[in-house]
C-alpha cells in the first residue's frame, strides 16, 4: 500500500490544479411549462446550468436526472439528450424550437406556456492549457454536480443574484459574463470528479498503444455498471479470452477485472464528491448490487467509508492499494 499525498507534487494533481475550461454559451433559455427540446449528438462536450426552476435531463441508457437551481450537468461526449420540465411533456428538436422562437440579440430563447418558469444556461466547452484530451474521456457520460456537494454554495447565491440581474436587464455583454460563470462551474465539477479517478490510479496522460484494449477500456469507463466478464469484454473487441487477458495486462498493467473494479470505485468517489446521490444510488450507477457491497469494496480500496469520503470531499490523504 502506498500513501497518496494529495497536497504533493503528483503530476496528475498538478494538471488538475492548472485545469482550464473555455466555454461557449449558446443561449440563455427562459422556458415556461410545459416545454421540452431535444439536442442532437455532436462531438462537442455540452453543459446545462440551471439558474432558476427545475427540469429533467434524459440520455439514452442513463436514468433520467432531475436538475434544480444551482445544479450543473455535463455531457462529456456531446450525447444526444432531452431537456424538459416534466417527463410527460412533448418535445421538439432544438433547431425546430429555435426556428419557431428565434433567439434575440442577447442569445435568449423564450418559449413555453404559462406554467412555472425555468432558466437554463446552455453551451459547450473545451479544455485548454496542459490538460490532455484523455482526461475528458475519464468523465462519465452524464456528470451531475450540485453546489452544496462541491462546497461552492458560499459564493453561489451572490453570483446567482448577478446572473438574475443580467438575465432581467438584457444589457450588452451578459453572454460574456455567463460564459465566465460557466467556466468556474465546469472547472470545479471536473476537478472534483477527477480527483476520485486520480486516487483510484485511473488517469492516463496518453492513449493506449493497443487499439483493441483501448476500446475495452472505453467500454468499461462508459458502462461501469455493465455485467462485464473477461469473456464478454473479449467478445466485444473480437479477441479470445486468453489473448485478451494477456494483452490487457500488458497494456494496462493489471487484469481486466481489477481495472473494472478500480473504474467503478473511482467513479463512485466522483459521484460522492459531486452529488447528493445516496450510497445505494451510487452503487447502482457503478455496478454494485447495493450500498453495502459498494461500501465494503470502497473501504477495502481507499481505507475510508463512502460517507467519510463524502464528508471530507476527498481532501484527506487516502491509502491506495497497488
Protein backbone atom coordinates (compact mmCIF):
# COMPACT_ATOMS: atom_id res chain seq x y z
CA UNK A 1 0.00 0.00 0.00
CA UNK A 2 1.10 3.50 -0.76
CA UNK A 3 0.06 6.74 0.93
CA UNK A 4 -1.08 9.13 -1.75
CA UNK A 5 -0.08 12.67 -0.84
CA UNK A 6 -2.89 14.81 -2.23
CA UNK A 7 -1.02 18.04 -1.49
CA UNK A 8 2.25 16.89 -3.06
CA UNK A 9 3.75 17.23 -6.49
CA UNK A 10 1.95 14.36 -8.22
CA UNK A 11 1.89 15.08 -11.96
CA UNK A 12 -1.83 14.46 -12.39
CA UNK A 13 -2.64 16.58 -9.33
CA UNK A 14 -0.69 19.43 -10.88
CA UNK A 15 -2.57 19.02 -14.14
CA UNK A 16 -5.88 19.16 -12.30
CA UNK A 17 -4.74 22.27 -10.44
CA UNK A 18 -3.97 24.00 -13.74
CA UNK A 19 -7.15 22.80 -15.46
CA UNK A 20 -8.51 25.46 -17.78
CA UNK A 21 -12.01 25.41 -19.24
CA UNK A 22 -13.10 27.51 -22.20
CA UNK A 23 -16.87 27.54 -22.53
CA UNK A 24 -19.18 28.98 -25.12
CA UNK A 25 -22.70 29.95 -24.10
CA UNK A 26 -25.15 29.04 -26.85
CA UNK A 27 -28.20 30.60 -25.23
CA UNK A 28 -29.96 31.58 -22.05
CA UNK A 29 -33.23 29.66 -22.21
CA UNK A 30 -36.23 31.15 -20.44
CA UNK A 31 -38.91 28.47 -20.52
CA UNK A 32 -42.40 28.15 -19.05
CA UNK A 33 -44.06 24.78 -18.57
CA UNK A 34 -44.89 22.76 -20.44
CA UNK A 35 -41.77 22.70 -22.60
CA UNK A 36 -39.23 20.26 -23.95
CA UNK A 37 -36.41 20.14 -26.50
CA UNK A 38 -34.03 17.54 -27.87
CA UNK A 39 -30.37 18.26 -28.69
CA UNK A 40 -28.72 16.15 -31.39
CA UNK A 41 -25.48 14.38 -30.61
CA UNK A 42 -22.22 16.05 -31.65
CA UNK A 43 -18.54 15.59 -30.90
CA UNK A 44 -18.51 18.59 -28.57
CA UNK A 45 -18.83 18.45 -24.78
CA UNK A 46 -22.04 20.18 -23.64
CA UNK A 47 -23.43 21.53 -20.41
CA UNK A 48 -26.64 22.89 -18.88
CA UNK A 49 -26.59 25.08 -15.78
CA UNK A 50 -29.94 25.62 -14.06
CA UNK A 51 -30.31 29.23 -12.93
CA UNK A 52 -33.93 29.07 -11.78
CA UNK A 53 -36.66 26.46 -11.55
CA UNK A 54 -36.17 22.76 -12.27
CA UNK A 55 -36.21 20.29 -15.15
CA UNK A 56 -35.36 16.77 -16.30
CA UNK A 57 -32.45 15.54 -18.40
CA UNK A 58 -32.77 12.29 -20.34
CA UNK A 59 -29.96 10.47 -22.17
CA UNK A 60 -30.35 7.03 -23.74
CA UNK A 61 -29.07 4.31 -21.44
CA UNK A 62 -28.90 6.57 -18.36
CA UNK A 63 -31.51 7.13 -15.66
CA UNK A 64 -33.38 10.44 -16.01
CA UNK A 65 -31.71 13.19 -13.95
CA UNK A 66 -33.72 15.80 -12.02
CA UNK A 67 -31.99 19.20 -12.04
CA UNK A 68 -32.76 22.09 -9.69
CA UNK A 69 -31.48 25.67 -9.44
CA UNK A 70 -27.73 25.76 -8.79
CA UNK A 71 -27.09 22.41 -10.45
CA UNK A 72 -24.94 21.65 -13.46
CA UNK A 73 -24.92 18.70 -15.82
CA UNK A 74 -22.02 17.90 -18.16
CA UNK A 75 -22.41 15.68 -21.23
CA UNK A 76 -18.76 14.95 -21.85
CA UNK A 77 -19.23 13.13 -25.17
CA UNK A 78 -21.84 15.54 -26.51
CA UNK A 79 -24.52 12.86 -26.42
CA UNK A 80 -27.98 13.32 -27.87
CA UNK A 81 -30.27 14.30 -25.00
CA UNK A 82 -33.62 15.75 -24.00
CA UNK A 83 -34.42 18.57 -21.59
CA UNK A 84 -37.99 19.20 -20.37
CA UNK A 85 -39.97 20.42 -17.41
CA UNK A 86 -41.78 17.10 -16.93
CA UNK A 87 -41.12 13.59 -18.20
CA UNK A 88 -44.53 13.62 -19.92
CA UNK A 89 -44.12 16.98 -21.69
CA UNK A 90 -43.90 16.95 -25.51
CA UNK A 91 -40.50 17.53 -27.09
CA UNK A 92 -39.33 19.44 -30.17
CA UNK A 93 -35.92 19.29 -31.82
CA UNK A 94 -33.84 22.26 -30.68
CA UNK A 95 -33.35 23.51 -34.24
CA UNK A 96 -37.10 23.50 -34.83
CA UNK A 97 -37.74 25.16 -31.47
CA UNK A 98 -35.32 27.97 -32.31
CA UNK A 99 -36.85 28.34 -35.76
CA UNK A 100 -40.26 28.84 -34.15
CA UNK A 101 -38.86 31.08 -31.37
CA UNK A 102 -35.79 32.91 -32.78
CA UNK A 103 -33.08 33.98 -30.35
CA UNK A 104 -32.98 37.69 -29.56
CA UNK A 105 -29.89 39.91 -29.85
CA UNK A 106 -28.66 38.67 -26.46
CA UNK A 107 -28.96 34.98 -27.47
CA UNK A 108 -32.03 34.40 -25.31
CA UNK A 109 -34.57 31.71 -26.10
CA UNK A 110 -38.06 32.34 -24.75
CA UNK A 111 -40.85 29.79 -25.20
CA UNK A 112 -43.37 27.58 -23.45
CA UNK A 113 -46.79 28.26 -21.99
CA UNK A 114 -47.89 29.90 -18.73
CA UNK A 115 -46.62 27.33 -16.21
CA UNK A 116 -43.67 27.54 -13.77
CA UNK A 117 -40.53 29.16 -15.21
CA UNK A 118 -37.11 27.57 -15.68
CA UNK A 119 -33.93 29.36 -16.75
CA UNK A 120 -31.09 27.36 -18.28
CA UNK A 121 -27.63 28.40 -19.35
CA UNK A 122 -26.77 26.08 -22.25
CA UNK A 123 -23.46 25.71 -24.03
CA UNK A 124 -20.41 23.70 -24.96
CA UNK A 125 -16.82 23.70 -23.80
CA UNK A 126 -13.26 22.56 -24.47
CA UNK A 127 -10.25 22.01 -22.23
CA UNK A 128 -7.21 24.24 -22.56
CA UNK A 129 -3.70 24.52 -21.17
CA UNK A 130 -1.77 21.43 -20.18
CA UNK A 131 -4.82 19.20 -19.73
CA UNK A 132 -4.77 16.36 -22.28
CA UNK A 133 -7.92 15.20 -24.03
CA UNK A 134 -7.90 11.75 -22.32
CA UNK A 135 -8.81 13.44 -19.03
CA UNK A 136 -12.15 14.40 -20.54
CA UNK A 137 -12.67 10.77 -21.50
CA UNK A 138 -12.48 9.84 -17.80
CA UNK A 139 -15.77 11.61 -17.11
CA UNK A 140 -18.96 9.56 -17.20
CA UNK A 141 -21.48 10.13 -19.98
CA UNK A 142 -23.50 12.34 -17.65
CA UNK A 143 -21.84 14.22 -14.79
CA UNK A 144 -24.27 15.92 -12.43
CA UNK A 145 -22.91 18.45 -9.94
CA UNK A 146 -24.76 20.33 -7.23
CA UNK A 147 -23.37 23.40 -5.49
CA UNK A 148 -23.82 22.12 -1.93
CA UNK A 149 -21.88 18.90 -2.51
CA UNK A 150 -18.90 20.65 -4.06
CA UNK A 151 -18.66 23.37 -1.44
CA UNK A 152 -19.37 26.35 -3.69
CA UNK A 153 -22.66 27.33 -2.07
CA UNK A 154 -20.92 30.13 -0.12
CA UNK A 155 -20.38 32.21 -3.25
CA UNK A 156 -23.21 30.79 -5.33
CA UNK A 157 -26.04 32.99 -4.09
CA UNK A 158 -24.40 36.39 -4.77
CA UNK A 159 -23.23 35.15 -8.17
CA UNK A 160 -26.71 33.94 -8.98
CA UNK A 161 -28.11 37.30 -7.92
CA UNK A 162 -25.81 38.90 -10.52
CA UNK A 163 -26.86 36.35 -13.14
CA UNK A 164 -30.53 37.07 -12.48
CA UNK A 165 -29.86 40.79 -12.82
CA UNK A 166 -28.10 40.19 -16.13
CA UNK A 167 -30.92 37.96 -17.33
CA UNK A 168 -33.56 40.52 -16.34
CA UNK A 169 -31.84 43.59 -17.77
CA UNK A 170 -30.53 42.08 -21.02
CA UNK A 171 -27.63 44.54 -21.11
CA UNK A 172 -24.85 44.10 -23.71
CA UNK A 173 -22.07 41.80 -22.54
CA UNK A 174 -24.26 39.50 -20.47
CA UNK A 175 -23.30 36.49 -22.57
CA UNK A 176 -19.60 37.00 -21.76
CA UNK A 177 -20.41 37.11 -18.03
CA UNK A 178 -22.45 33.93 -18.35
CA UNK A 179 -19.52 32.21 -20.08
CA UNK A 180 -17.15 33.14 -17.24
CA UNK A 181 -19.59 31.76 -14.70
CA UNK A 182 -19.86 28.54 -16.70
CA UNK A 183 -16.05 28.26 -16.77
CA UNK A 184 -15.95 28.24 -12.97
CA UNK A 185 -18.72 25.68 -12.58
CA UNK A 186 -17.29 23.36 -15.21
CA UNK A 187 -13.75 23.50 -13.85
CA UNK A 188 -14.96 22.84 -10.30
CA UNK A 189 -17.14 19.93 -11.38
CA UNK A 190 -14.41 18.20 -13.38
CA UNK A 191 -11.73 18.76 -10.76
CA UNK A 192 -13.96 17.38 -8.01
CA UNK A 193 -14.89 14.34 -10.06
CA UNK A 194 -11.46 13.52 -11.49
CA UNK A 195 -9.74 13.57 -8.11
CA UNK A 196 -11.58 10.33 -7.34
CA UNK A 197 -10.29 8.80 -10.57
CA UNK A 198 -6.79 10.02 -9.76
CA UNK A 199 -6.84 8.38 -6.35
CA UNK A 200 -8.02 5.14 -7.87
CA UNK A 201 -4.98 5.29 -10.17
CA UNK A 202 -7.05 5.60 -13.34
CA UNK A 203 -5.82 8.78 -15.01
CA UNK A 204 -3.59 8.24 -18.02
CA UNK A 205 -1.83 11.04 -19.84
CA UNK A 206 -1.91 9.37 -23.26
CA UNK A 207 -3.88 6.86 -25.32
CA UNK A 208 -3.17 3.14 -25.13
CA UNK A 209 -0.99 1.81 -27.93
CA UNK A 210 -3.20 -1.25 -28.38
CA UNK A 211 -6.46 -0.11 -30.07
CA UNK A 212 -8.37 -3.27 -29.12
CA UNK A 213 -7.53 -2.86 -25.45
CA UNK A 214 -8.25 0.86 -25.72
CA UNK A 215 -11.74 0.00 -26.97
CA UNK A 216 -12.27 -2.33 -24.00
CA UNK A 217 -11.09 0.37 -21.59
CA UNK A 218 -13.61 2.82 -23.04
CA UNK A 219 -16.40 0.25 -22.71
CA UNK A 220 -15.56 -0.14 -19.03
CA UNK A 221 -15.38 3.62 -18.44
CA UNK A 222 -18.63 4.36 -20.29
CA UNK A 223 -20.59 1.41 -18.89
CA UNK A 224 -19.17 0.63 -15.43
CA UNK A 225 -22.49 -0.87 -14.31
CA UNK A 226 -22.45 -3.43 -17.14
CA UNK A 227 -22.32 -7.11 -16.25
CA UNK A 228 -18.79 -7.42 -17.58
CA UNK A 229 -16.69 -10.56 -17.55
CA UNK A 230 -13.34 -11.21 -19.21
CA UNK A 231 -15.19 -13.29 -21.79
CA UNK A 232 -17.78 -10.62 -22.60
CA UNK A 233 -15.14 -7.88 -22.92
CA UNK A 234 -13.00 -10.09 -25.15
CA UNK A 235 -16.03 -10.81 -27.33
CA UNK A 236 -16.81 -7.10 -27.67
CA UNK A 237 -13.36 -6.38 -29.11
CA UNK A 238 -13.13 -9.53 -31.22
CA UNK A 239 -10.48 -11.44 -29.28
CA UNK A 240 -10.17 -14.76 -27.50
CA UNK A 241 -10.38 -14.69 -23.70
CA UNK A 242 -6.75 -15.76 -23.23
CA UNK A 243 -5.28 -13.35 -25.77
CA UNK A 244 -7.42 -10.51 -24.43
CA UNK A 245 -6.29 -11.11 -20.82
CA UNK A 246 -2.63 -11.21 -21.83
CA UNK A 247 -2.75 -8.07 -23.95
CA UNK A 248 -4.88 -6.19 -21.42
CA UNK A 249 -2.39 -6.85 -18.62
CA UNK A 250 0.49 -5.85 -20.90
CA UNK A 251 -1.17 -2.57 -21.94
CA UNK A 252 -2.84 -1.54 -18.66
CA UNK A 253 -0.62 -3.20 -16.07
CA UNK A 254 -3.33 -5.27 -14.36
CA UNK A 255 -6.12 -7.72 -15.10
CA UNK A 256 -9.38 -6.61 -16.77
CA UNK A 257 -11.43 -7.37 -13.63
CA UNK A 258 -9.07 -5.46 -11.36
CA UNK A 259 -9.23 -2.47 -13.71
CA UNK A 260 -13.04 -2.72 -13.82
CA UNK A 261 -13.16 -2.63 -10.01
CA UNK A 262 -10.97 0.46 -9.87
CA UNK A 263 -13.01 2.26 -12.54
CA UNK A 264 -16.18 1.55 -10.58
CA UNK A 265 -14.66 2.79 -7.34
CA UNK A 266 -13.08 5.84 -8.98
CA UNK A 267 -16.42 6.83 -10.48
CA UNK A 268 -18.14 6.14 -7.16
CA UNK A 269 -15.69 8.53 -5.48
CA UNK A 270 -16.52 11.13 -8.12
CA UNK A 271 -20.26 10.82 -7.54
CA UNK A 272 -19.78 11.06 -3.77
CA UNK A 273 -17.74 14.25 -4.20
CA UNK A 274 -20.06 15.99 -6.66
CA UNK A 275 -23.64 14.90 -5.96
CA UNK A 276 -26.14 14.21 -3.18
CA UNK A 277 -26.92 10.74 -4.56
CA UNK A 278 -27.43 8.13 -1.84
CA UNK A 279 -24.80 5.42 -1.46
CA UNK A 280 -27.34 2.94 -2.85
CA UNK A 281 -27.89 5.12 -5.93
CA UNK A 282 -24.14 5.48 -6.45
CA UNK A 283 -23.84 1.70 -6.12
CA UNK A 284 -26.41 1.14 -8.86
CA UNK A 285 -24.66 3.57 -11.19
CA UNK A 286 -21.29 1.91 -10.70
CA UNK A 287 -22.20 -1.76 -10.92
CA UNK A 288 -22.65 -2.81 -7.29
CA UNK A 289 -25.68 -4.74 -6.02
CA UNK A 290 -26.36 -2.29 -3.19
CA UNK A 291 -24.81 0.26 -0.87
CA UNK A 292 -23.42 -2.41 1.43
CA UNK A 293 -21.48 -4.05 -1.41
CA UNK A 294 -20.12 -0.68 -2.55
CA UNK A 295 -19.17 0.32 1.00
CA UNK A 296 -17.24 -2.91 1.53
CA UNK A 297 -15.29 -2.53 -1.73
CA UNK A 298 -14.76 1.22 -1.22
CA UNK A 299 -13.34 0.80 2.25
CA UNK A 300 -11.07 -2.02 1.10
CA UNK A 301 -9.66 0.14 -1.69
CA UNK A 302 -9.49 3.57 -0.01
CA UNK A 303 -9.49 2.61 3.68
CA UNK A 304 -12.32 5.01 4.38
CA UNK A 305 -16.10 4.69 4.10
CA UNK A 306 -18.16 6.35 1.34
CA UNK A 307 -19.80 8.54 3.99
CA UNK A 308 -16.47 9.70 5.39
CA UNK A 309 -15.13 10.33 1.89
CA UNK A 310 -18.17 12.49 1.14
CA UNK A 311 -17.77 14.45 4.40
CA UNK A 312 -14.17 15.32 3.61
CA UNK A 313 -14.76 15.71 -0.16
CA UNK A 314 -11.70 13.53 -0.58
CA UNK A 315 -9.34 16.13 0.88
CA UNK A 316 -7.71 13.78 3.39
CA UNK A 317 -4.76 11.56 2.48
CA UNK A 318 -6.05 8.26 1.10
CA UNK A 319 -4.29 4.90 1.32
CA UNK A 320 -4.25 3.46 -2.16
CA UNK A 321 -3.83 -0.27 -2.78
CA UNK A 322 -1.37 -1.08 -5.55
